[in-house]
Structures are given as structure tokens and as C-alpha cells.
Amino acid sequence: MLVGLSALSREAVALLARASGQGSDEAALRAAYGGGRVRLLGWVERGAVVALVGYDVGGTRETVNIRAIATSPSCERRGLGRRLLRAVQDETLARRLVAETDDDAVGFYAACGFSIIPLGEVYPGVRRYRASSTTVS
């Protein structure tokens, strides 16, 4: 079931840590995602958040920036990430979804119909990409 997340549960914090690849500094994650600027949608099964997407809407709502997306390992490859991206697009009526991603997730965005632009090595040893789409396939 798709739900808006107004508070960060233990499961949501763990998924955000997984999405960020920066470990599980709970205080930092709560500060980054719990303050209201970034909206969170989650997929809940049996009372637990098993997938989520964090996004923020620009001033014009024309472009929505995907800040984090993650699925619990036990729920991967079920289309939950794609459903969450579609839900963001439907909820915000955005013309374009944009994400900055890395080697680990660029294939996911490409499979969802996003165009991919390599940004190079933004951080030492880490290649980054800009993914953007007007529709989620």
C-alpha cells in the first residue's frame, strides 16, 4: 500500500541509509529527510515500510528532484521503485523527474525510461549520472 510518510520509522531510516550509501547516521538522515523539505512516499506491507522515495518539488512544480529511492532487499525486483516514481509524478503533476545517481542505480533509472547523462567523477572514485524523464515507463 502506498502512503505518505510524515514521520521516519526505523524501517524508513534504514532504507534512506541504504539509498544514500553513506552508512546509517540516523541523526543526519533524520535531519536531511525529516524536516519537511523532502517529501517521502513509502510502500508499506504488513505494517513495515519496504520501499520509499524522497523527493522535493521546485518552486514551479515543473521539475521534481528525486533525492533518494530504495527498496528492502527482500522486496527487490517487484516493481516497487517504478511504482513509487509513477506515484511521485502523479501526485506532483511534474513535467520532469530528475535524479543524480551512481553506478549502482543508473541501470534502474534507464530501465524506467530516464535519459542518462554522465557527469563524470564528481567525488573521488565515484562516477555520477543525471537521470531525467518526462514519463516513467
Foldseek 3Di string as FASTA:
>chain_A
DKDKDQDQDPQNQVFQCVFVVPHRPPVVSCVVQNPPQWTKMFDDDPRHGFWMWTWHAPPVLQEIETDGIGGHPVPPPPCPRLVRVQVVCVVSVHQKYKYKAWPVCPVVLVQQVWDWDWPQCPDVPTTIIMTMDRGGD
